[in-house]
N, C-alpha and C. Protein backbone atom coordinates (compact mmCIF):
# COMPACT_ATOMS: atom_id res chain seq x y z
N UNK A 1 5.07 -20.75 15.33
CA UNK A 1 4.96 -21.40 14.04
C UNK A 1 5.58 -20.51 12.98
N UNK A 2 6.51 -21.02 12.24
CA UNK A 2 7.19 -20.31 11.19
C UNK A 2 6.59 -20.65 9.83
N UNK A 3 6.34 -19.64 9.02
CA UNK A 3 5.80 -19.87 7.70
C UNK A 3 6.92 -19.82 6.67
N UNK A 4 6.83 -20.67 5.67
CA UNK A 4 7.83 -20.67 4.62
C UNK A 4 7.64 -19.46 3.72
N UNK A 5 8.66 -19.16 2.93
CA UNK A 5 8.58 -18.04 1.99
C UNK A 5 7.45 -18.25 1.00
N UNK A 6 7.27 -19.48 0.53
CA UNK A 6 6.20 -19.78 -0.43
C UNK A 6 4.84 -19.54 0.18
N UNK A 7 4.64 -19.92 1.45
CA UNK A 7 3.35 -19.72 2.11
C UNK A 7 3.08 -18.23 2.27
N UNK A 8 4.07 -17.48 2.67
CA UNK A 8 3.90 -16.04 2.84
C UNK A 8 3.62 -15.36 1.52
N UNK A 9 4.31 -15.76 0.47
CA UNK A 9 4.07 -15.20 -0.85
C UNK A 9 2.65 -15.50 -1.31
N UNK A 10 2.21 -16.74 -1.10
CA UNK A 10 0.83 -17.10 -1.47
C UNK A 10 -0.17 -16.24 -0.70
N UNK A 11 0.06 -16.04 0.59
CA UNK A 11 -0.85 -15.20 1.39
C UNK A 11 -0.86 -13.77 0.88
N UNK A 12 0.30 -13.26 0.51
CA UNK A 12 0.37 -11.91 -0.04
C UNK A 12 -0.40 -11.79 -1.34
N UNK A 13 -0.23 -12.76 -2.22
CA UNK A 13 -0.95 -12.75 -3.49
C UNK A 13 -2.45 -12.90 -3.28
N UNK A 14 -2.85 -13.74 -2.33
CA UNK A 14 -4.28 -13.90 -2.02
C UNK A 14 -4.85 -12.58 -1.52
N UNK A 15 -4.08 -11.86 -0.68
CA UNK A 15 -4.54 -10.56 -0.18
C UNK A 15 -4.72 -9.57 -1.33
N UNK A 16 -3.79 -9.55 -2.29
CA UNK A 16 -3.91 -8.66 -3.44
C UNK A 16 -5.13 -9.00 -4.29
N UNK A 17 -5.33 -10.28 -4.56
CA UNK A 17 -6.48 -10.72 -5.36
C UNK A 17 -7.78 -10.44 -4.61
N UNK A 18 -7.81 -10.68 -3.30
CA UNK A 18 -9.02 -10.42 -2.51
C UNK A 18 -9.37 -8.93 -2.53
N UNK A 19 -8.37 -8.08 -2.41
CA UNK A 19 -8.64 -6.63 -2.43
C UNK A 19 -9.23 -6.22 -3.78
N UNK A 20 -8.68 -6.76 -4.86
CA UNK A 20 -9.20 -6.44 -6.19
C UNK A 20 -10.61 -7.00 -6.37
N UNK A 21 -10.86 -8.21 -5.88
CA UNK A 21 -12.18 -8.83 -6.02
C UNK A 21 -13.24 -8.08 -5.21
N UNK A 22 -12.88 -7.63 -4.01
CA UNK A 22 -13.83 -6.88 -3.20
C UNK A 22 -14.20 -5.56 -3.84
N UNK A 23 -13.28 -5.00 -4.58
CA UNK A 23 -13.50 -3.70 -5.18
C UNK A 23 -14.05 -3.79 -6.60
N UNK A 24 -14.29 -4.98 -7.11
CA UNK A 24 -14.76 -5.16 -8.49
C UNK A 24 -16.10 -4.45 -8.68
N UNK A 25 -16.25 -3.77 -9.81
CA UNK A 25 -17.50 -3.05 -10.07
C UNK A 25 -18.66 -4.03 -10.23
N UNK A 26 -19.82 -3.60 -9.73
CA UNK A 26 -21.00 -4.45 -9.78
C UNK A 26 -21.82 -4.22 -11.04
N UNK A 27 -21.63 -3.10 -11.70
CA UNK A 27 -22.40 -2.80 -12.90
C UNK A 27 -22.04 -3.72 -14.05
N UNK A 28 -23.04 -4.14 -14.80
CA UNK A 28 -22.81 -5.07 -15.90
C UNK A 28 -22.02 -4.43 -17.03
N UNK A 29 -22.18 -3.10 -17.21
CA UNK A 29 -21.49 -2.45 -18.32
C UNK A 29 -20.13 -1.91 -17.91
N UNK A 30 -19.80 -1.95 -16.64
CA UNK A 30 -18.52 -1.39 -16.17
C UNK A 30 -17.37 -2.34 -16.49
N UNK A 31 -16.25 -1.76 -16.81
CA UNK A 31 -15.06 -2.55 -17.08
C UNK A 31 -14.42 -2.95 -15.76
N UNK A 32 -13.87 -4.15 -15.70
CA UNK A 32 -13.20 -4.63 -14.49
C UNK A 32 -11.98 -3.79 -14.17
N UNK A 33 -11.34 -3.21 -15.17
CA UNK A 33 -10.12 -2.45 -14.97
C UNK A 33 -10.37 -0.98 -14.60
N UNK A 34 -11.60 -0.47 -14.76
CA UNK A 34 -11.88 0.92 -14.38
C UNK A 34 -11.62 1.11 -12.89
N UNK A 35 -10.76 2.04 -12.57
CA UNK A 35 -10.42 2.32 -11.18
C UNK A 35 -9.23 1.55 -10.65
N UNK A 36 -8.70 0.59 -11.42
CA UNK A 36 -7.57 -0.22 -10.97
C UNK A 36 -6.26 0.44 -11.36
N UNK A 37 -5.30 0.37 -10.46
CA UNK A 37 -3.95 0.81 -10.80
C UNK A 37 -2.94 -0.17 -10.22
N UNK A 38 -1.83 -0.29 -10.90
CA UNK A 38 -0.71 -1.10 -10.41
C UNK A 38 0.43 -0.15 -10.11
N UNK A 39 1.28 -0.55 -9.15
CA UNK A 39 2.37 0.34 -8.78
C UNK A 39 3.56 -0.43 -8.26
N UNK A 40 4.70 0.19 -8.35
CA UNK A 40 5.92 -0.36 -7.81
C UNK A 40 6.66 0.72 -7.06
N UNK A 41 7.43 0.31 -6.07
CA UNK A 41 8.14 1.34 -5.32
C UNK A 41 8.94 0.78 -4.17
N UNK A 42 9.12 1.59 -3.15
CA UNK A 42 9.98 1.24 -2.03
C UNK A 42 9.33 1.62 -0.71
N UNK A 43 9.89 1.07 0.37
CA UNK A 43 9.57 1.46 1.74
C UNK A 43 10.88 1.70 2.44
N UNK A 44 10.98 2.80 3.16
CA UNK A 44 12.18 3.12 3.92
C UNK A 44 11.77 3.52 5.32
N UNK A 45 12.28 2.81 6.30
CA UNK A 45 11.97 3.12 7.69
C UNK A 45 12.83 4.28 8.17
N UNK A 46 12.27 5.05 9.10
CA UNK A 46 13.07 6.12 9.69
C UNK A 46 13.75 5.66 10.98
N UNK A 47 13.77 4.34 11.22
CA UNK A 47 14.45 3.77 12.37
C UNK A 47 15.74 3.07 11.92
N UNK A 48 16.86 3.45 12.50
CA UNK A 48 18.17 2.87 12.12
C UNK A 48 18.21 1.37 12.38
N UNK A 49 17.53 0.89 13.44
CA UNK A 49 17.55 -0.54 13.75
C UNK A 49 16.86 -1.35 12.66
N UNK A 50 15.81 -0.80 12.08
CA UNK A 50 15.12 -1.49 10.99
C UNK A 50 15.99 -1.48 9.74
N UNK A 51 16.63 -0.36 9.43
CA UNK A 51 17.49 -0.28 8.24
C UNK A 51 18.67 -1.24 8.34
N UNK A 52 19.18 -1.45 9.55
CA UNK A 52 20.27 -2.42 9.73
C UNK A 52 19.80 -3.84 9.41
N UNK A 53 18.55 -4.14 9.75
CA UNK A 53 18.03 -5.49 9.53
C UNK A 53 17.61 -5.74 8.09
N UNK A 54 16.99 -4.75 7.44
CA UNK A 54 16.43 -4.99 6.10
C UNK A 54 17.16 -4.25 4.99
N UNK A 55 18.12 -3.42 5.33
CA UNK A 55 18.79 -2.61 4.32
C UNK A 55 18.17 -1.23 4.27
N UNK A 56 18.68 -0.40 3.40
CA UNK A 56 18.19 0.98 3.32
C UNK A 56 16.73 1.05 2.89
N UNK A 57 16.34 0.22 1.92
CA UNK A 57 14.95 0.23 1.44
C UNK A 57 14.48 -1.20 1.20
N UNK A 58 13.17 -1.38 1.24
CA UNK A 58 12.53 -2.63 0.83
C UNK A 58 11.77 -2.32 -0.46
N UNK A 59 11.94 -3.13 -1.47
CA UNK A 59 11.26 -2.93 -2.74
C UNK A 59 9.95 -3.70 -2.74
N UNK A 60 9.00 -3.25 -3.51
CA UNK A 60 7.72 -3.94 -3.56
C UNK A 60 6.80 -3.36 -4.61
N UNK A 61 5.58 -3.81 -4.55
CA UNK A 61 4.58 -3.35 -5.50
C UNK A 61 3.19 -3.70 -5.00
N UNK A 62 2.19 -3.27 -5.74
CA UNK A 62 0.85 -3.55 -5.30
C UNK A 62 -0.22 -3.07 -6.25
N UNK A 63 -1.44 -3.12 -5.74
CA UNK A 63 -2.64 -2.72 -6.47
C UNK A 63 -3.39 -1.68 -5.67
N UNK A 64 -4.08 -0.79 -6.39
CA UNK A 64 -4.98 0.17 -5.76
C UNK A 64 -6.25 0.16 -6.60
N UNK A 65 -7.41 0.15 -5.94
CA UNK A 65 -8.67 0.11 -6.69
C UNK A 65 -9.60 1.18 -6.15
N UNK A 66 -9.91 2.15 -7.00
CA UNK A 66 -10.85 3.21 -6.63
C UNK A 66 -12.26 2.66 -6.75
N UNK A 67 -13.00 2.74 -5.66
CA UNK A 67 -14.35 2.18 -5.63
C UNK A 67 -15.34 3.23 -6.13
N UNK A 68 -15.90 2.99 -7.32
CA UNK A 68 -16.87 3.92 -7.90
C UNK A 68 -18.19 3.84 -7.13
N UNK A 69 -18.85 4.96 -7.00
CA UNK A 69 -20.17 5.05 -6.38
C UNK A 69 -20.18 4.56 -4.93
N UNK A 70 -19.03 4.65 -4.26
CA UNK A 70 -18.94 4.27 -2.85
C UNK A 70 -18.94 5.57 -2.05
N UNK A 71 -19.78 5.66 -1.02
CA UNK A 71 -19.81 6.91 -0.27
C UNK A 71 -18.45 7.21 0.36
N UNK A 72 -17.94 8.39 0.12
CA UNK A 72 -16.68 8.81 0.72
C UNK A 72 -16.96 9.25 2.15
N UNK A 73 -15.96 9.12 2.99
CA UNK A 73 -16.08 9.51 4.39
C UNK A 73 -16.37 11.00 4.51
N UNK A 74 -15.76 11.79 3.66
CA UNK A 74 -15.96 13.24 3.67
C UNK A 74 -16.77 13.65 2.45
N UNK A 75 -17.57 14.71 2.58
CA UNK A 75 -18.46 15.15 1.50
C UNK A 75 -17.71 15.85 0.39
N UNK A 76 -18.26 15.77 -0.80
CA UNK A 76 -17.71 16.47 -1.95
C UNK A 76 -17.35 15.52 -3.07
N UNK A 77 -17.49 16.03 -4.29
CA UNK A 77 -17.19 15.22 -5.47
C UNK A 77 -15.71 14.93 -5.62
N UNK A 78 -14.87 15.74 -4.99
CA UNK A 78 -13.43 15.56 -5.11
C UNK A 78 -12.90 14.42 -4.25
N UNK A 79 -13.68 13.94 -3.29
CA UNK A 79 -13.24 12.85 -2.39
C UNK A 79 -13.57 11.50 -3.01
N UNK A 80 -12.69 10.54 -2.84
CA UNK A 80 -12.93 9.18 -3.32
C UNK A 80 -12.38 8.18 -2.30
N UNK A 81 -12.87 6.95 -2.41
CA UNK A 81 -12.43 5.86 -1.54
C UNK A 81 -11.76 4.80 -2.40
N UNK A 82 -10.64 4.27 -1.92
CA UNK A 82 -9.99 3.18 -2.65
C UNK A 82 -9.46 2.16 -1.65
N UNK A 83 -9.24 0.95 -2.16
CA UNK A 83 -8.60 -0.12 -1.41
C UNK A 83 -7.24 -0.38 -2.05
N UNK A 84 -6.24 -0.62 -1.22
CA UNK A 84 -4.93 -0.93 -1.79
C UNK A 84 -4.29 -2.07 -1.00
N UNK A 85 -3.48 -2.84 -1.70
CA UNK A 85 -2.73 -3.93 -1.08
C UNK A 85 -1.35 -3.95 -1.73
N UNK A 86 -0.32 -3.98 -0.88
CA UNK A 86 1.06 -3.95 -1.36
C UNK A 86 1.85 -5.09 -0.72
N UNK A 87 2.95 -5.45 -1.37
CA UNK A 87 3.83 -6.49 -0.85
C UNK A 87 5.25 -5.97 -0.94
N UNK A 88 5.93 -5.83 0.21
CA UNK A 88 7.31 -5.37 0.27
C UNK A 88 8.18 -6.47 0.84
N UNK A 89 9.38 -6.61 0.26
CA UNK A 89 10.25 -7.75 0.57
C UNK A 89 11.70 -7.28 0.64
N UNK A 90 12.43 -7.83 1.61
CA UNK A 90 13.85 -7.56 1.71
C UNK A 90 14.56 -8.83 2.18
N UNK A 91 15.75 -9.06 1.67
CA UNK A 91 16.55 -10.19 2.11
C UNK A 91 18.02 -9.77 2.18
N UNK A 92 18.59 -9.95 3.37
CA UNK A 92 20.02 -9.68 3.58
C UNK A 92 20.66 -10.95 4.11
N UNK A 93 21.85 -11.25 3.64
CA UNK A 93 22.54 -12.45 4.11
C UNK A 93 22.77 -12.43 5.61
N UNK A 94 23.04 -11.26 6.16
CA UNK A 94 23.35 -11.16 7.59
C UNK A 94 22.13 -11.27 8.50
N UNK A 95 20.96 -10.84 8.03
CA UNK A 95 19.79 -10.83 8.92
C UNK A 95 18.60 -11.61 8.40
N UNK A 96 18.64 -12.13 7.19
CA UNK A 96 17.56 -12.95 6.69
C UNK A 96 16.52 -12.18 5.91
N UNK A 97 15.30 -12.69 5.95
CA UNK A 97 14.19 -12.19 5.14
C UNK A 97 13.25 -11.36 6.02
N UNK A 98 12.67 -10.31 5.42
CA UNK A 98 11.65 -9.51 6.09
C UNK A 98 10.59 -9.16 5.06
N UNK A 99 9.31 -9.37 5.40
CA UNK A 99 8.19 -9.08 4.49
C UNK A 99 7.18 -8.20 5.21
N UNK A 100 6.55 -7.31 4.44
CA UNK A 100 5.50 -6.45 4.98
C UNK A 100 4.39 -6.33 3.93
N UNK A 101 3.15 -6.58 4.37
CA UNK A 101 2.00 -6.52 3.47
C UNK A 101 0.95 -5.59 4.07
N UNK A 102 0.94 -4.30 3.67
CA UNK A 102 -0.11 -3.40 4.14
C UNK A 102 -1.33 -3.46 3.21
N UNK A 103 -2.51 -3.63 3.80
CA UNK A 103 -3.78 -3.57 3.08
C UNK A 103 -4.52 -2.38 3.65
N UNK A 104 -4.87 -1.40 2.80
CA UNK A 104 -5.36 -0.11 3.29
C UNK A 104 -6.68 0.30 2.66
N UNK A 105 -7.46 1.06 3.44
CA UNK A 105 -8.63 1.78 2.95
C UNK A 105 -8.20 3.24 2.92
N UNK A 106 -8.33 3.85 1.75
CA UNK A 106 -7.81 5.21 1.52
C UNK A 106 -8.94 6.19 1.27
N UNK A 107 -8.83 7.40 1.82
CA UNK A 107 -9.71 8.52 1.51
C UNK A 107 -8.84 9.57 0.84
N UNK A 108 -9.17 9.91 -0.40
CA UNK A 108 -8.30 10.78 -1.20
C UNK A 108 -9.09 11.97 -1.74
N UNK A 109 -8.51 13.14 -1.62
CA UNK A 109 -9.06 14.37 -2.20
C UNK A 109 -8.21 14.73 -3.41
N UNK A 110 -8.84 14.83 -4.60
CA UNK A 110 -8.13 15.19 -5.82
C UNK A 110 -8.40 16.66 -6.12
N UNK A 111 -7.32 17.44 -6.23
CA UNK A 111 -7.43 18.87 -6.50
C UNK A 111 -7.73 19.08 -7.98
N UNK A 112 -8.16 20.29 -8.34
CA UNK A 112 -8.48 20.60 -9.73
C UNK A 112 -7.27 20.41 -10.63
N UNK A 113 -7.54 19.91 -11.82
CA UNK A 113 -6.48 19.64 -12.78
C UNK A 113 -5.93 20.94 -13.36
N UNK A 114 -4.62 21.03 -13.41
CA UNK A 114 -3.95 22.14 -14.06
C UNK A 114 -3.05 21.57 -15.14
N UNK A 115 -3.22 22.03 -16.35
CA UNK A 115 -2.57 21.47 -17.54
C UNK A 115 -2.85 19.97 -17.58
N UNK A 116 -1.84 19.11 -17.55
CA UNK A 116 -2.10 17.67 -17.62
C UNK A 116 -1.86 16.97 -16.29
N UNK A 117 -1.68 17.73 -15.22
CA UNK A 117 -1.42 17.14 -13.91
C UNK A 117 -2.52 17.51 -12.91
N UNK A 118 -2.72 16.63 -11.94
CA UNK A 118 -3.65 16.94 -10.84
C UNK A 118 -3.10 16.34 -9.55
N UNK A 119 -2.84 17.18 -8.56
CA UNK A 119 -2.34 16.68 -7.28
C UNK A 119 -3.47 16.09 -6.45
N UNK A 120 -3.12 15.22 -5.52
CA UNK A 120 -4.09 14.66 -4.60
C UNK A 120 -3.44 14.43 -3.25
N UNK A 121 -4.27 14.34 -2.21
CA UNK A 121 -3.78 14.11 -0.85
C UNK A 121 -4.87 13.40 -0.07
N UNK A 122 -4.49 12.72 1.00
CA UNK A 122 -5.48 12.04 1.81
C UNK A 122 -4.88 11.32 2.99
N UNK A 123 -5.65 10.38 3.50
CA UNK A 123 -5.23 9.60 4.66
C UNK A 123 -5.71 8.18 4.48
N UNK A 124 -5.17 7.24 5.29
CA UNK A 124 -5.54 5.84 5.14
C UNK A 124 -5.44 5.12 6.47
N UNK A 125 -6.14 4.00 6.55
CA UNK A 125 -6.10 3.08 7.68
C UNK A 125 -5.72 1.72 7.13
N UNK A 126 -4.75 1.05 7.80
CA UNK A 126 -4.19 -0.19 7.24
C UNK A 126 -4.21 -1.34 8.24
N UNK A 127 -4.24 -2.55 7.70
CA UNK A 127 -3.91 -3.77 8.43
C UNK A 127 -2.58 -4.22 7.83
N UNK A 128 -1.54 -4.28 8.64
CA UNK A 128 -0.19 -4.55 8.15
C UNK A 128 0.27 -5.91 8.67
N UNK A 129 0.53 -6.85 7.77
CA UNK A 129 1.04 -8.17 8.15
C UNK A 129 2.55 -8.15 7.95
N UNK A 130 3.26 -8.60 8.99
CA UNK A 130 4.72 -8.54 9.00
C UNK A 130 5.24 -9.93 9.37
N UNK A 131 6.28 -10.38 8.69
CA UNK A 131 6.97 -11.61 9.11
C UNK A 131 8.38 -11.62 8.53
N UNK A 132 9.16 -12.55 9.01
CA UNK A 132 10.53 -12.65 8.54
C UNK A 132 11.27 -13.74 9.26
N UNK A 133 12.57 -13.78 9.04
CA UNK A 133 13.41 -14.81 9.61
C UNK A 133 13.32 -14.83 11.13
N UNK A 134 13.45 -13.68 11.77
CA UNK A 134 13.39 -13.60 13.23
C UNK A 134 12.09 -13.00 13.73
N UNK A 135 11.10 -12.84 12.86
CA UNK A 135 9.83 -12.23 13.24
C UNK A 135 8.68 -13.17 12.86
N UNK A 136 7.95 -13.70 13.85
CA UNK A 136 6.79 -14.51 13.50
C UNK A 136 5.73 -13.65 12.81
N UNK A 137 4.84 -14.28 12.08
CA UNK A 137 3.81 -13.55 11.36
C UNK A 137 2.83 -12.92 12.34
N UNK A 138 2.69 -11.59 12.23
CA UNK A 138 1.72 -10.86 13.04
C UNK A 138 1.06 -9.80 12.17
N UNK A 139 -0.12 -9.39 12.55
CA UNK A 139 -0.82 -8.32 11.86
C UNK A 139 -1.12 -7.22 12.85
N UNK A 140 -0.81 -6.00 12.47
CA UNK A 140 -1.00 -4.84 13.33
C UNK A 140 -1.75 -3.76 12.56
N UNK A 141 -2.43 -2.90 13.30
CA UNK A 141 -3.15 -1.78 12.71
C UNK A 141 -2.16 -0.66 12.41
N UNK A 142 -2.41 0.07 11.36
CA UNK A 142 -1.56 1.19 10.99
C UNK A 142 -2.38 2.26 10.31
N UNK A 143 -1.75 3.32 9.96
CA UNK A 143 -2.43 4.41 9.28
C UNK A 143 -1.43 5.46 8.90
N UNK A 144 -1.89 6.45 8.14
CA UNK A 144 -0.97 7.50 7.76
C UNK A 144 -1.56 8.49 6.78
N UNK A 145 -0.67 9.24 6.18
CA UNK A 145 -1.00 10.29 5.24
C UNK A 145 -0.41 9.98 3.88
N UNK A 146 -1.06 10.45 2.82
CA UNK A 146 -0.55 10.25 1.46
C UNK A 146 -0.68 11.52 0.65
N UNK A 147 0.18 11.67 -0.34
CA UNK A 147 0.13 12.77 -1.29
C UNK A 147 0.67 12.26 -2.61
N UNK A 148 0.10 12.75 -3.69
CA UNK A 148 0.55 12.27 -4.99
C UNK A 148 0.25 13.26 -6.10
N UNK A 149 0.66 12.88 -7.29
CA UNK A 149 0.46 13.70 -8.46
C UNK A 149 0.16 12.80 -9.65
N UNK A 150 -1.00 13.04 -10.28
CA UNK A 150 -1.34 12.36 -11.52
C UNK A 150 -0.64 13.11 -12.65
N UNK A 151 0.22 12.42 -13.39
CA UNK A 151 0.99 13.05 -14.47
C UNK A 151 0.81 12.24 -15.74
N UNK A 152 0.94 12.89 -16.87
CA UNK A 152 0.97 12.22 -18.18
C UNK A 152 -0.16 11.22 -18.36
N UNK A 153 -1.38 11.64 -18.12
CA UNK A 153 -2.52 10.76 -18.34
C UNK A 153 -2.70 9.73 -17.25
N UNK A 154 -2.22 8.52 -17.46
CA UNK A 154 -2.45 7.41 -16.53
C UNK A 154 -1.32 7.17 -15.55
N UNK A 155 -0.24 7.88 -15.64
CA UNK A 155 0.91 7.68 -14.76
C UNK A 155 0.74 8.54 -13.50
N UNK A 156 1.12 8.00 -12.34
CA UNK A 156 1.08 8.79 -11.11
C UNK A 156 2.30 8.49 -10.25
N UNK A 157 2.62 9.44 -9.38
CA UNK A 157 3.69 9.32 -8.40
C UNK A 157 3.05 9.59 -7.05
N UNK A 158 3.37 8.73 -6.06
CA UNK A 158 2.70 8.85 -4.76
C UNK A 158 3.69 8.62 -3.64
N UNK A 159 3.52 9.36 -2.57
CA UNK A 159 4.29 9.17 -1.35
C UNK A 159 3.33 8.95 -0.18
N UNK A 160 3.70 8.04 0.71
CA UNK A 160 2.89 7.74 1.90
C UNK A 160 3.80 7.69 3.11
N UNK A 161 3.30 8.20 4.22
CA UNK A 161 4.01 8.02 5.49
C UNK A 161 3.08 7.21 6.38
N UNK A 162 3.56 6.07 6.85
CA UNK A 162 2.70 5.14 7.61
C UNK A 162 3.27 4.87 9.00
N UNK A 163 2.37 4.85 9.97
CA UNK A 163 2.70 4.42 11.33
C UNK A 163 2.07 3.06 11.54
N UNK A 164 2.74 2.19 12.29
CA UNK A 164 2.24 0.84 12.59
C UNK A 164 2.34 0.61 14.09
N UNK A 165 1.29 0.02 14.67
CA UNK A 165 1.31 -0.34 16.09
C UNK A 165 2.50 -1.27 16.34
N UNK A 166 3.33 -0.95 17.32
CA UNK A 166 4.56 -1.72 17.54
C UNK A 166 4.42 -2.81 18.58
N UNK A 167 3.21 -3.08 19.07
CA UNK A 167 3.01 -4.14 20.06
C UNK A 167 3.46 -5.48 19.50
N UNK A 168 4.37 -6.16 20.18
CA UNK A 168 4.86 -7.47 19.74
C UNK A 168 5.99 -7.40 18.73
N UNK A 169 6.47 -6.21 18.41
CA UNK A 169 7.58 -6.05 17.48
C UNK A 169 8.82 -5.62 18.24
N UNK A 170 9.99 -5.92 17.67
CA UNK A 170 11.24 -5.49 18.29
C UNK A 170 11.43 -3.98 18.23
N UNK A 171 10.86 -3.35 17.22
CA UNK A 171 10.98 -1.91 17.03
C UNK A 171 9.72 -1.41 16.34
N UNK A 172 9.47 -0.13 16.37
CA UNK A 172 8.33 0.42 15.65
C UNK A 172 8.69 0.54 14.17
N UNK A 173 7.68 0.58 13.33
CA UNK A 173 7.90 0.54 11.89
C UNK A 173 7.35 1.75 11.14
N UNK A 174 7.48 2.97 11.66
CA UNK A 174 7.04 4.08 10.82
C UNK A 174 7.98 4.18 9.62
N UNK A 175 7.44 4.65 8.52
CA UNK A 175 8.31 4.75 7.36
C UNK A 175 7.63 5.41 6.18
N UNK A 176 8.43 5.68 5.18
CA UNK A 176 8.00 6.36 3.97
C UNK A 176 7.89 5.36 2.83
N UNK A 177 6.75 5.38 2.15
CA UNK A 177 6.54 4.58 0.94
C UNK A 177 6.62 5.54 -0.24
N UNK A 178 7.25 5.13 -1.32
CA UNK A 178 7.28 5.89 -2.56
C UNK A 178 6.89 4.98 -3.71
N UNK A 179 5.95 5.44 -4.55
CA UNK A 179 5.45 4.60 -5.64
C UNK A 179 5.39 5.36 -6.95
N UNK A 180 5.55 4.63 -8.02
CA UNK A 180 5.22 5.09 -9.36
C UNK A 180 4.21 4.08 -9.88
N UNK A 181 3.08 4.57 -10.42
CA UNK A 181 2.03 3.64 -10.82
C UNK A 181 1.39 4.01 -12.15
N UNK A 182 0.53 3.08 -12.59
CA UNK A 182 -0.22 3.23 -13.83
C UNK A 182 -1.69 2.95 -13.56
N UNK A 183 -2.57 3.90 -13.90
CA UNK A 183 -4.02 3.73 -13.73
C UNK A 183 -4.65 3.28 -15.06
N UNK A 184 -5.44 2.24 -14.99
CA UNK A 184 -6.12 1.73 -16.18
C UNK A 184 -7.36 2.54 -16.48
């Protein structure tokens, strides 16, 4: 069964809204935007076969929501848990459309702030939905490592390296994500 571009886009948007809704603060005095960030960036596979099909990079964007008062997997005040959902899209005339929607649970350690910047690093576990012109819609488990830097108040830069289970795919999809985002 092939899904249209509109159906896939709707599913991607529903995933983003669902991730934000699940992470919404329960406190009556808490702001809905506390802990929310938006970001834009790219995904680049380290496999030449994938780059031939989708181009050098896939552009995309997403949401990340830091869950306040949620127990972190690891102990310490510096650890936090967040949910993120991203949508990456590529279209080439020669090979068609390719979409990837990773939804992740992130564990992040934020280092002490120096001047106006604070670095962070962590790991994540993802459910990655993939589809395209020659690829039926499938969801696979993935995971990886992340590192970033909070700069200039609410602006941040983040890099992620993600591995995805390649069962049922023509090739494996490890790759590098790069984002620039804004935290509310």
